[in-house]
Amino acid sequence: MKVAIAQIEPDFMNKEGCIDKSAKAVEKAGRKGSKIIVFPETFIPGYPYWRGFTGQGWADYMVEYQKNSVKLPDDIEPIIEVAGKYGIGVVLGVSELDDKPGSLTLYNTIVFVSSGYVGKHRKLMPTHGERTIWGLGDGADIDVYEVDGVKIGGLVCYENHMTPIKSILALKGEEIHAAIWPGYWVAERTTAVKRRFNPSKDKLHLCDIDCAIREYAFETQTFVLSANMYLSQDLLPEGAFDIAAGGSSVVNPSSLYIVEPVFNKEEIIYAELDMEERMLQRLILIAWDTTAGGMSWSLNLKPSEGKV
């Protein structure tokens, strides 16, 4: 199976521009025979790297972010149409505006398209300053979706470190996992303090994404498509949280890179997945076959109440 990752710059803070760029990337990947394309976290309208701003600075950006967040599925119809034309599944990170009447809540959402809009997952717990922007998701949408006969799931950023959610997707039969991120960073001592990854001097293990996606792949025997945002530094607001170095990659079920992280450039990244590699790794580990009977997970499937 041929797959793609769209490490392309969003038309930052411009919903319509981002939708147009997404549709063009889907078409390009579809023409090249890809069956799945994955976009980074909140590709539409771009990640709020200004999330740490306060006062009027935060307010000004937040109003624009609200205006440029998407209503699902109507706003992404151009992407759905192109995906259907070329027979390609799409996994897309967006900032979603709640569709409940009277609600102004935003969500950090991952959207799944396969012969039409098939589902979404809202990030359960926004990280740190993200809580001033997005609301909390719930367990109602932790699921996998079939694309070209293969089950794919996805999680947003630090959800990829959360063992219970990983276990649920594995038990649902996930075969390909989309891990979406706002960039690639270095944590010198703790993840509370980060800076943009510099591939000329920094080692991959200094970013927790490296261990997260490789362990995810090994633990669940899935292929991991890690889609990371790239944004040139001159497009970022002054004083913004600068981590948008790209770093997209593909990992096989043995936790080995098929495509190593690609930094500081726009590129649609392609990879060929041999699904028999997953079968072999499961035969070696048989992790879920041997342990699932001894465990019990409780998942609250009830949607949370909407917030204004």
C-alpha atoms as a PDB file:
ATOM      1  CA  MET A   1       0.000   0.000   0.000  1.00  0.00           C
ATOM      2  CA  LYS A   2       1.338   3.404  -0.979  1.00  0.00           C
ATOM      3  CA  VAL A   3       0.837   6.147   1.609  1.00  0.00           C
ATOM      4  CA  ALA A   4       1.682   9.831   1.855  1.00  0.00           C
ATOM      5  CA  ILE A   5       2.288  12.519   4.469  1.00  0.00           C
ATOM      6  CA  ALA A   6       1.644  16.160   3.579  1.00  0.00           C
ATOM      7  CA  GLN A   7       4.460  18.127   5.199  1.00  0.00           C
ATOM      8  CA  ILE A   8       3.451  21.383   3.531  1.00  0.00           C
ATOM      9  CA  GLU A   9       3.069  24.859   4.969  1.00  0.00           C
ATOM     10  CA  PRO A  10      -0.494  25.826   5.817  1.00  0.00           C
ATOM     11  CA  ASP A  11      -1.831  29.164   4.621  1.00  0.00           C
ATOM     12  CA  PHE A  12      -1.429  30.262   8.230  1.00  0.00           C
ATOM     13  CA  MET A  13      -4.638  31.587   9.841  1.00  0.00           C
ATOM     14  CA  ASN A  14      -6.513  31.410   6.520  1.00  0.00           C
ATOM     15  CA  LYS A  15      -9.156  28.672   6.439  1.00  0.00           C
ATOM     16  CA  GLU A  16      -9.980  28.921   2.751  1.00  0.00           C
ATOM     17  CA  GLY A  17      -6.319  28.954   1.760  1.00  0.00           C
ATOM     18  CA  CYS A  18      -5.602  25.882   3.896  1.00  0.00           C
ATOM     19  CA  ILE A  19      -8.563  24.003   2.419  1.00  0.00           C
ATOM     20  CA  ASP A  20      -7.311  24.785  -1.078  1.00  0.00           C
ATOM     21  CA  LYS A  21      -3.762  23.623  -0.266  1.00  0.00           C
ATOM     22  CA  SER A  22      -5.138  20.450   1.331  1.00  0.00           C
ATOM     23  CA  ALA A  23      -7.243  19.595  -1.716  1.00  0.00           C
ATOM     24  CA  LYS A  24      -4.280  20.126  -4.052  1.00  0.00           C
ATOM     25  CA  ALA A  25      -2.053  17.875  -1.911  1.00  0.00           C
ATOM     26  CA  VAL A  26      -4.746  15.173  -1.848  1.00  0.00           C
ATOM     27  CA  GLU A  27      -5.017  15.342  -5.631  1.00  0.00           C
ATOM     28  CA  LYS A  28      -1.245  15.157  -6.085  1.00  0.00           C
ATOM     29  CA  ALA A  29      -0.907  12.144  -3.787  1.00  0.00           C
ATOM     30  CA  GLY A  30      -3.923  10.471  -5.371  1.00  0.00           C
ATOM     31  CA  ARG A  31      -2.475  10.883  -8.856  1.00  0.00           C
ATOM     32  CA  LYS A  32       0.697   9.144  -7.639  1.00  0.00           C
ATOM     33  CA  GLY A  33      -1.307   6.148  -6.445  1.00  0.00           C
ATOM     34  CA  SER A  34      -1.372   6.811  -2.689  1.00  0.00           C
ATOM     35  CA  LYS A  35      -4.253   5.214  -0.808  1.00  0.00           C
ATOM     36  CA  ILE A  36      -3.877   7.358   2.324  1.00  0.00           C
ATOM     37  CA  ILE A  37      -2.559  10.861   2.974  1.00  0.00           C
ATOM     38  CA  VAL A  38      -2.053  12.280   6.474  1.00  0.00           C
ATOM     39  CA  PHE A  39      -1.823  15.982   7.402  1.00  0.00           C
ATOM     40  CA  PRO A  40      -0.328  17.487  10.599  1.00  0.00           C
ATOM     41  CA  GLU A  41      -2.158  18.665  13.700  1.00  0.00           C
ATOM     42  CA  THR A  42      -4.575  21.540  12.995  1.00  0.00           C
ATOM     43  CA  PHE A  43      -3.347  21.984   9.437  1.00  0.00           C
ATOM     44  CA  ILE A  44      -6.499  24.039   9.011  1.00  0.00           C
ATOM     45  CA  PRO A  45      -5.986  26.905   9.845  1.00  0.00           C
ATOM     46  CA  GLY A  46      -2.538  26.178  11.340  1.00  0.00           C
ATOM     47  CA  TYR A  47      -1.422  25.496  14.897  1.00  0.00           C
ATOM     48  CA  PRO A  48      -1.807  28.408  17.369  1.00  0.00           C
ATOM     49  CA  TYR A  49       1.885  28.976  18.072  1.00  0.00           C
ATOM     50  CA  TRP A  50       0.758  32.205  19.759  1.00  0.00           C
ATOM     51  CA  ARG A  51      -1.020  30.189  22.453  1.00  0.00           C
ATOM     52  CA  GLY A  52       1.193  31.638  25.207  1.00  0.00           C
ATOM     53  CA  PHE A  53       0.295  35.245  24.410  1.00  0.00           C
ATOM     54  CA  THR A  54      -1.698  37.159  27.012  1.00  0.00           C
ATOM     55  CA  GLY A  55      -4.057  40.103  27.051  1.00  0.00           C
ATOM     56  CA  GLN A  56      -4.832  41.861  23.801  1.00  0.00           C
ATOM     57  CA  GLY A  57      -2.265  39.844  21.851  1.00  0.00           C
ATOM     58  CA  TRP A  58      -4.076  36.600  22.673  1.00  0.00           C
ATOM     59  CA  ALA A  59      -7.496  38.150  22.095  1.00  0.00           C
ATOM     60  CA  ASP A  60      -6.642  39.440  18.627  1.00  0.00           C
ATOM     61  CA  TYR A  61      -5.323  36.097  17.430  1.00  0.00           C
ATOM     62  CA  MET A  62      -8.102  34.132  19.132  1.00  0.00           C
ATOM     63  CA  VAL A  63     -10.863  36.018  17.334  1.00  0.00           C
ATOM     64  CA  GLU A  64      -9.208  35.307  13.986  1.00  0.00           C
ATOM     65  CA  TYR A  65      -8.657  31.671  14.945  1.00  0.00           C
ATOM     66  CA  GLN A  66     -12.333  31.300  15.825  1.00  0.00           C
ATOM     67  CA  LYS A  67     -13.326  32.771  12.459  1.00  0.00           C
ATOM     68  CA  ASN A  68     -10.974  30.432  10.587  1.00  0.00           C
ATOM     69  CA  SER A  69     -11.842  27.192  12.381  1.00  0.00           C
ATOM     70  CA  VAL A  70     -13.965  24.684  10.453  1.00  0.00           C
ATOM     71  CA  LYS A  71     -17.478  23.315  10.714  1.00  0.00           C
ATOM     72  CA  LEU A  72     -17.590  19.622   9.881  1.00  0.00           C
ATOM     73  CA  PRO A  73     -18.120  18.235   7.379  1.00  0.00           C
ATOM     74  CA  ASP A  74     -19.422  21.156   5.306  1.00  0.00           C
ATOM     75  CA  ASP A  75     -16.246  23.270   5.255  1.00  0.00           C
ATOM     76  CA  ILE A  76     -14.069  20.421   4.006  1.00  0.00           C
ATOM     77  CA  GLU A  77     -16.351  19.342   1.149  1.00  0.00           C
ATOM     78  CA  PRO A  78     -13.741  20.388  -1.471  1.00  0.00           C
ATOM     79  CA  ILE A  79     -11.266  17.962   0.133  1.00  0.00           C
ATOM     80  CA  ILE A  80     -13.855  15.180   0.363  1.00  0.00           C
ATOM     81  CA  GLU A  81     -14.741  15.640  -3.305  1.00  0.00           C
ATOM     82  CA  VAL A  82     -11.126  15.389  -4.485  1.00  0.00           C
ATOM     83  CA  ALA A  83     -10.486  12.374  -2.236  1.00  0.00           C
ATOM     84  CA  GLY A  84     -13.478  10.579  -3.724  1.00  0.00           C
ATOM     85  CA  LYS A  85     -12.374  11.364  -7.268  1.00  0.00           C
ATOM     86  CA  TYR A  86      -8.932   9.815  -6.749  1.00  0.00           C
ATOM     87  CA  GLY A  87      -9.926   7.043  -4.344  1.00  0.00           C
ATOM     88  CA  ILE A  88      -7.656   8.180  -1.527  1.00  0.00           C
ATOM     89  CA  GLY A  89      -8.317   8.226   2.211  1.00  0.00           C
ATOM     90  CA  VAL A  90      -7.517  11.420   4.112  1.00  0.00           C
ATOM     91  CA  VAL A  91      -6.542  11.969   7.744  1.00  0.00           C
ATOM     92  CA  LEU A  92      -6.623  15.692   8.440  1.00  0.00           C
ATOM     93  CA  GLY A  93      -5.905  17.803  11.520  1.00  0.00           C
ATOM     94  CA  VAL A  94      -8.244  20.784  11.968  1.00  0.00           C
ATOM     95  CA  SER A  95      -9.383  23.292  14.541  1.00  0.00           C
ATOM     96  CA  GLU A  96     -13.087  22.473  14.682  1.00  0.00           C
ATOM     97  CA  LEU A  97     -15.885  24.865  15.599  1.00  0.00           C
ATOM     98  CA  ASP A  98     -18.578  22.967  17.506  1.00  0.00           C
ATOM     99  CA  ASP A  99     -21.753  22.348  15.509  1.00  0.00           C
ATOM    100  CA  LYS A 100     -24.064  22.558  18.523  1.00  0.00           C
ATOM    101  CA  PRO A 101     -26.444  25.542  18.299  1.00  0.00           C
ATOM    102  CA  GLY A 102     -25.152  28.454  20.342  1.00  0.00           C
ATOM    103  CA  SER A 103     -21.765  26.862  21.035  1.00  0.00           C
ATOM    104  CA  LEU A 104     -18.502  28.653  20.332  1.00  0.00           C
ATOM    105  CA  THR A 105     -16.276  25.850  21.618  1.00  0.00           C
ATOM    106  CA  LEU A 106     -13.295  24.890  19.485  1.00  0.00           C
ATOM    107  CA  TYR A 107     -11.777  21.404  19.395  1.00  0.00           C
ATOM    108  CA  ASN A 108      -8.401  20.049  18.290  1.00  0.00           C
ATOM    109  CA  THR A 109      -9.777  17.466  15.892  1.00  0.00           C
ATOM    110  CA  ILE A 110      -8.514  14.749  13.571  1.00  0.00           C
ATOM    111  CA  VAL A 111     -10.835  14.027  10.629  1.00  0.00           C
ATOM    112  CA  PHE A 112     -11.150  10.785   8.653  1.00  0.00           C
ATOM    113  CA  VAL A 113     -12.289  10.692   5.016  1.00  0.00           C
ATOM    114  CA  SER A 114     -12.833   7.476   3.038  1.00  0.00           C
ATOM    115  CA  SER A 115     -15.406   7.585   0.229  1.00  0.00           C
ATOM    116  CA  GLY A 116     -16.898  10.520   2.101  1.00  0.00           C
ATOM    117  CA  TYR A 117     -16.650  11.887   5.619  1.00  0.00           C
ATOM    118  CA  VAL A 118     -16.556   8.895   7.972  1.00  0.00           C
ATOM    119  CA  GLY A 119     -15.625  10.275  11.374  1.00  0.00           C
ATOM    120  CA  LYS A 120     -13.543  12.459  13.643  1.00  0.00           C
ATOM    121  CA  HIS A 121     -11.701  12.351  16.948  1.00  0.00           C
ATOM    122  CA  ARG A 122     -11.413  15.330  19.278  1.00  0.00           C
ATOM    123  CA  LYS A 123      -8.271  15.538  21.402  1.00  0.00           C
ATOM    124  CA  LEU A 124      -9.278  14.396  24.870  1.00  0.00           C
ATOM    125  CA  MET A 125      -7.183  16.818  26.894  1.00  0.00           C
ATOM    126  CA  PRO A 126      -5.549  19.877  25.310  1.00  0.00           C
ATOM    127  CA  THR A 127      -1.979  20.330  26.507  1.00  0.00           C
ATOM    128  CA  HIS A 128      -1.003  23.200  28.812  1.00  0.00           C
ATOM    129  CA  GLY A 129      -1.766  26.548  27.111  1.00  0.00           C
ATOM    130  CA  GLU A 130      -3.939  24.789  24.526  1.00  0.00           C
ATOM    131  CA  ARG A 131      -6.683  24.785  27.153  1.00  0.00           C
ATOM    132  CA  THR A 132      -7.179  28.506  26.564  1.00  0.00           C
ATOM    133  CA  ILE A 133      -8.124  27.648  22.965  1.00  0.00           C
ATOM    134  CA  TRP A 134      -9.757  24.216  22.725  1.00  0.00           C
ATOM    135  CA  GLY A 135     -12.349  22.316  24.720  1.00  0.00           C
ATOM    136  CA  LEU A 136     -12.053  18.748  26.007  1.00  0.00           C
ATOM    137  CA  GLY A 137     -12.936  15.760  23.851  1.00  0.00           C
ATOM    138  CA  ASP A 138     -14.519  12.516  25.064  1.00  0.00           C
ATOM    139  CA  GLY A 139     -14.393   8.758  24.564  1.00  0.00           C
ATOM    140  CA  ALA A 140     -17.286   8.637  22.118  1.00  0.00           C
ATOM    141  CA  ASP A 141     -15.037   8.996  19.081  1.00  0.00           C
ATOM    142  CA  ILE A 142     -12.037   6.777  19.878  1.00  0.00           C
ATOM    143  CA  ASP A 143     -12.340   4.482  16.884  1.00  0.00           C
ATOM    144  CA  VAL A 144     -10.746   3.042  13.752  1.00  0.00           C
ATOM    145  CA  TYR A 145     -11.949   3.441  10.166  1.00  0.00           C
ATOM    146  CA  GLU A 146     -11.514   1.274   7.082  1.00  0.00           C
ATOM    147  CA  VAL A 147      -9.570   2.765   4.184  1.00  0.00           C
ATOM    148  CA  ASP A 148      -8.896   0.562   1.152  1.00  0.00           C
ATOM    149  CA  GLY A 149      -9.479  -2.534   3.268  1.00  0.00           C
ATOM    150  CA  VAL A 150      -7.121  -1.466   6.067  1.00  0.00           C
ATOM    151  CA  LYS A 151      -8.122  -0.184   9.511  1.00  0.00           C
ATOM    152  CA  ILE A 152      -6.646   3.206  10.373  1.00  0.00           C
ATOM    153  CA  GLY A 153      -6.863   5.241  13.555  1.00  0.00           C
ATOM    154  CA  GLY A 154      -5.246   8.430  14.754  1.00  0.00           C
ATOM    155  CA  LEU A 155      -4.343  10.482  17.796  1.00  0.00           C
ATOM    156  CA  VAL A 156      -3.314  14.077  18.353  1.00  0.00           C
ATOM    157  CA  CYS A 157       0.110  14.984  19.757  1.00  0.00           C
ATOM    158  CA  TYR A 158       0.546  13.860  23.376  1.00  0.00           C
ATOM    159  CA  GLU A 159      -2.362  11.431  23.103  1.00  0.00           C
ATOM    160  CA  ASN A 160       0.206   9.208  21.395  1.00  0.00           C
ATOM    161  CA  HIS A 161       1.824   8.750  24.824  1.00  0.00           C
ATOM    162  CA  MET A 162      -1.438   7.693  26.531  1.00  0.00           C
ATOM    163  CA  THR A 163      -1.416   3.934  27.111  1.00  0.00           C
ATOM    164  CA  PRO A 164      -5.180   3.376  27.662  1.00  0.00           C
ATOM    165  CA  ILE A 165      -6.105   5.078  24.368  1.00  0.00           C
ATOM    166  CA  LYS A 166      -3.403   3.179  22.476  1.00  0.00           C
ATOM    167  CA  SER A 167      -4.738  -0.063  23.931  1.00  0.00           C
ATOM    168  CA  ILE A 168      -8.292   0.694  22.833  1.00  0.00           C
ATOM    169  CA  LEU A 169      -7.252   1.389  19.241  1.00  0.00           C
ATOM    170  CA  ALA A 170      -5.151  -1.782  19.201  1.00  0.00           C
ATOM    171  CA  LEU A 171      -8.049  -3.868  20.501  1.00  0.00           C
ATOM    172  CA  LYS A 172     -10.246  -2.359  17.782  1.00  0.00           C
ATOM    173  CA  GLY A 173      -7.872  -3.786  15.189  1.00  0.00           C
ATOM    174  CA  GLU A 174      -5.875  -0.717  14.159  1.00  0.00           C
ATOM    175  CA  GLU A 175      -3.347  -1.558  11.423  1.00  0.00           C
ATOM    176  CA  ILE A 176      -2.100   1.902  10.403  1.00  0.00           C
ATOM    177  CA  HIS A 177      -1.811   4.711  12.925  1.00  0.00           C
ATOM    178  CA  ALA A 178      -1.741   8.427  12.137  1.00  0.00           C
ATOM    179  CA  ALA A 179       0.178  10.421  14.756  1.00  0.00           C
ATOM    180  CA  ILE A 180      -0.195  14.152  14.141  1.00  0.00           C
ATOM    181  CA  TRP A 181       1.944  16.881  15.711  1.00  0.00           C
ATOM    182  CA  PRO A 182       2.560  20.668  15.547  1.00  0.00           C
ATOM    183  CA  GLY A 183       6.269  20.237  14.772  1.00  0.00           C
ATOM    184  CA  TYR A 184       9.446  18.679  16.194  1.00  0.00           C
ATOM    185  CA  TRP A 185      11.244  20.010  19.238  1.00  0.00           C
ATOM    186  CA  VAL A 186      14.065  19.597  21.717  1.00  0.00           C
ATOM    187  CA  ALA A 187      13.417  19.279  25.420  1.00  0.00           C
ATOM    188  CA  GLU A 188      16.733  20.113  27.113  1.00  0.00           C
ATOM    189  CA  ARG A 189      15.674  18.917  30.550  1.00  0.00           C
ATOM    190  CA  THR A 190      11.864  18.690  30.615  1.00  0.00           C
ATOM    191  CA  THR A 191       9.077  18.895  28.046  1.00  0.00           C
ATOM    192  CA  ALA A 192       7.858  22.046  29.796  1.00  0.00           C
ATOM    193  CA  VAL A 193      10.647  23.942  28.004  1.00  0.00           C
ATOM    194  CA  LYS A 194      11.036  23.338  24.265  1.00  0.00           C
ATOM    195  CA  ARG A 195      12.741  24.845  21.250  1.00  0.00           C
ATOM    196  CA  ARG A 196      12.712  24.174  17.520  1.00  0.00           C
ATOM    197  CA  PHE A 197      14.629  21.060  16.499  1.00  0.00           C
ATOM    198  CA  ASN A 198      17.871  21.769  14.633  1.00  0.00           C
ATOM    199  CA  PRO A 199      18.835  18.707  12.538  1.00  0.00           C
ATOM    200  CA  SER A 200      22.403  19.965  12.075  1.00  0.00           C
ATOM    201  CA  LYS A 201      23.182  19.493  15.768  1.00  0.00           C
ATOM    202  CA  ASP A 202      20.280  17.816  17.591  1.00  0.00           C
ATOM    203  CA  LYS A 203      19.735  14.075  17.991  1.00  0.00           C
ATOM    204  CA  LEU A 204      16.314  12.543  17.339  1.00  0.00           C
ATOM    205  CA  HIS A 205      16.032  11.106  20.841  1.00  0.00           C
ATOM    206  CA  LEU A 206      15.980  14.643  22.308  1.00  0.00           C
ATOM    207  CA  CYS A 207      12.392  14.894  21.065  1.00  0.00           C
ATOM    208  CA  ASP A 208       9.819  12.621  22.705  1.00  0.00           C
ATOM    209  CA  ILE A 209       8.124  12.115  19.323  1.00  0.00           C
ATOM    210  CA  ASP A 210      10.924   9.710  18.382  1.00  0.00           C
ATOM    211  CA  CYS A 211      10.257   7.386  21.304  1.00  0.00           C
ATOM    212  CA  ALA A 212       6.469   7.846  21.117  1.00  0.00           C
ATOM    213  CA  ILE A 213       5.980   6.760  17.519  1.00  0.00           C
ATOM    214  CA  ARG A 214       8.522   3.944  17.602  1.00  0.00           C
ATOM    215  CA  GLU A 215       7.104   2.475  20.806  1.00  0.00           C
ATOM    216  CA  TYR A 216       3.561   2.898  19.465  1.00  0.00           C
ATOM    217  CA  ALA A 217       4.502   0.901  16.383  1.00  0.00           C
ATOM    218  CA  PHE A 218       6.256  -1.859  18.330  1.00  0.00           C
ATOM    219  CA  GLU A 219       3.669  -2.076  21.108  1.00  0.00           C
ATOM    220  CA  THR A 220       0.658  -2.300  18.785  1.00  0.00           C
ATOM    221  CA  GLN A 221       2.308  -3.836  15.707  1.00  0.00           C
ATOM    222  CA  THR A 222       1.069  -1.010  13.493  1.00  0.00           C
ATOM    223  CA  PHE A 223       2.624   1.167  10.837  1.00  0.00           C
ATOM    224  CA  VAL A 224       2.855   4.730  12.148  1.00  0.00           C
ATOM    225  CA  LEU A 225       2.542   7.717   9.823  1.00  0.00           C
ATOM    226  CA  SER A 226       3.847  10.675  11.811  1.00  0.00           C
ATOM    227  CA  ALA A 227       2.711  13.980  10.259  1.00  0.00           C
ATOM    228  CA  ASN A 228       4.528  17.004  11.673  1.00  0.00           C
ATOM    229  CA  MET A 229       3.903  20.666  10.889  1.00  0.00           C
ATOM    230  CA  TYR A 230       6.444  22.695   8.981  1.00  0.00           C
ATOM    231  CA  LEU A 231       6.241  26.482   8.998  1.00  0.00           C
ATOM    232  CA  SER A 232       9.111  28.772   8.054  1.00  0.00           C
ATOM    233  CA  GLN A 233      10.182  30.999  10.913  1.00  0.00           C
ATOM    234  CA  ASP A 234       9.374  34.235   9.087  1.00  0.00           C
ATOM    235  CA  LEU A 235       5.679  33.246   9.017  1.00  0.00           C
ATOM    236  CA  LEU A 236       5.458  32.889  12.787  1.00  0.00           C
ATOM    237  CA  PRO A 237       4.257  35.804  14.927  1.00  0.00           C
ATOM    238  CA  GLU A 238       7.054  37.500  16.856  1.00  0.00           C
ATOM    239  CA  GLY A 239       7.542  35.821  20.220  1.00  0.00           C
ATOM    240  CA  ALA A 240       5.548  32.733  19.203  1.00  0.00           C
ATOM    241  CA  PHE A 241       6.170  29.158  20.355  1.00  0.00           C
ATOM    242  CA  ASP A 242       8.580  28.083  17.604  1.00  0.00           C
ATOM    243  CA  ILE A 243       8.639  24.302  17.105  1.00  0.00           C
ATOM    244  CA  ALA A 244       7.387  24.000  13.492  1.00  0.00           C
ATOM    245  CA  ALA A 245      10.457  22.223  12.105  1.00  0.00           C
ATOM    246  CA  GLY A 246       8.574  19.451  10.304  1.00  0.00           C
ATOM    247  CA  GLY A 247      10.008  16.031  11.155  1.00  0.00           C
ATOM    248  CA  SER A 248       7.417  13.814   9.442  1.00  0.00           C
ATOM    249  CA  SER A 249       8.337  10.132   9.193  1.00  0.00           C
ATOM    250  CA  VAL A 250       7.076   6.585   8.695  1.00  0.00           C
ATOM    251  CA  VAL A 251       7.777   3.729  11.126  1.00  0.00           C
ATOM    252  CA  ASN A 252       7.167   0.007  10.583  1.00  0.00           C
ATOM    253  CA  PRO A 253       5.715  -2.449  13.159  1.00  0.00           C
ATOM    254  CA  SER A 254       9.241  -3.363  14.293  1.00  0.00           C
ATOM    255  CA  SER A 255       9.781   0.301  15.311  1.00  0.00           C
ATOM    256  CA  LEU A 256      12.241   0.912  12.460  1.00  0.00           C
ATOM    257  CA  TYR A 257      12.095   3.985  10.257  1.00  0.00           C
ATOM    258  CA  ILE A 258      10.908   3.355   6.701  1.00  0.00           C
ATOM    259  CA  VAL A 259      11.269   7.089   6.128  1.00  0.00           C
ATOM    260  CA  GLU A 260      13.405   9.006   8.631  1.00  0.00           C
ATOM    261  CA  PRO A 261      12.222  12.429   9.846  1.00  0.00           C
ATOM    262  CA  VAL A 262      12.302  15.135   7.168  1.00  0.00           C
ATOM    263  CA  PHE A 263      13.112  18.609   8.489  1.00  0.00           C
ATOM    264  CA  ASN A 264      12.712  22.246   7.499  1.00  0.00           C
ATOM    265  CA  LYS A 265      11.198  21.863   4.066  1.00  0.00           C
ATOM    266  CA  GLU A 266       7.903  21.327   2.321  1.00  0.00           C
ATOM    267  CA  GLU A 267       7.515  17.848   0.913  1.00  0.00           C
ATOM    268  CA  ILE A 268       4.842  15.264   0.292  1.00  0.00           C
ATOM    269  CA  ILE A 269       6.508  12.183   1.736  1.00  0.00           C
ATOM    270  CA  TYR A 270       5.717   8.782   0.215  1.00  0.00           C
ATOM    271  CA  ALA A 271       6.211   5.252   1.480  1.00  0.00           C
ATOM    272  CA  GLU A 272       5.269   1.725   0.444  1.00  0.00           C
ATOM    273  CA  LEU A 273       3.842  -0.387   3.266  1.00  0.00           C
ATOM    274  CA  ASP A 274       4.082  -4.173   3.169  1.00  0.00           C
ATOM    275  CA  MET A 275       1.201  -5.307   5.380  1.00  0.00           C
ATOM    276  CA  GLU A 276       2.827  -8.731   5.757  1.00  0.00           C
ATOM    277  CA  GLU A 277       5.454  -7.038   7.954  1.00  0.00           C
ATOM    278  CA  ARG A 278       2.691  -6.420  10.467  1.00  0.00           C
ATOM    279  CA  MET A 279       1.576 -10.045  10.321  1.00  0.00           C
ATOM    280  CA  LEU A 280       5.140 -11.199  10.953  1.00  0.00           C
ATOM    281  CA  GLN A 281       5.627  -8.859  13.900  1.00  0.00           C
ATOM    282  CA  ARG A 282       2.364 -10.048  15.455  1.00  0.00           C
ATOM    283  CA  LEU A 283       3.451 -13.648  15.052  1.00  0.00           C
ATOM    284  CA  ILE A 284       6.701 -12.818  16.849  1.00  0.00           C
ATOM    285  CA  LEU A 285       5.116 -10.886  19.719  1.00  0.00           C
ATOM    286  CA  ILE A 286       1.469 -12.043  19.738  1.00  0.00           C
ATOM    287  CA  ALA A 287       1.117  -9.340  22.387  1.00  0.00           C
ATOM    288  CA  TRP A 288      -2.590  -8.656  22.159  1.00  0.00           C
ATOM    289  CA  ASP A 289      -3.569 -12.250  21.462  1.00  0.00           C
ATOM    290  CA  THR A 290      -1.917 -13.409  24.683  1.00  0.00           C
ATOM    291  CA  THR A 291      -2.770 -10.550  27.029  1.00  0.00           C
ATOM    292  CA  ALA A 292      -6.169  -9.197  26.012  1.00  0.00           C
ATOM    293  CA  GLY A 293      -8.012 -11.946  27.875  1.00  0.00           C
ATOM    294  CA  GLY A 294      -6.348 -10.942  31.120  1.00  0.00           C
ATOM    295  CA  MET A 295      -7.221  -7.259  30.918  1.00  0.00           C
ATOM    296  CA  SER A 296     -10.354  -5.178  31.066  1.00  0.00           C
ATOM    297  CA  TRP A 297     -10.741  -1.623  29.760  1.00  0.00           C
ATOM    298  CA  SER A 298     -13.662   0.627  30.565  1.00  0.00           C
ATOM    299  CA  LEU A 299     -14.441   3.282  27.937  1.00  0.00           C
ATOM    300  CA  ASN A 300     -17.080   5.946  28.486  1.00  0.00           C
ATOM    301  CA  LEU A 301     -18.796   6.186  25.100  1.00  0.00           C
ATOM    302  CA  LYS A 302     -21.213   8.904  26.161  1.00  0.00           C
ATOM    303  CA  PRO A 303     -20.557  12.257  24.464  1.00  0.00           C
ATOM    304  CA  SER A 304     -19.807  15.093  26.876  1.00  0.00           C
ATOM    305  CA  GLU A 305     -22.178  18.022  27.140  1.00  0.00           C
ATOM    306  CA  GLY A 306     -21.418  20.878  24.769  1.00  0.00           C
ATOM    307  CA  LYS A 307     -19.894  24.065  26.113  1.00  0.00           C
ATOM    308  CA  VAL A 308     -20.384  27.640  25.029  1.00  0.00           C
END
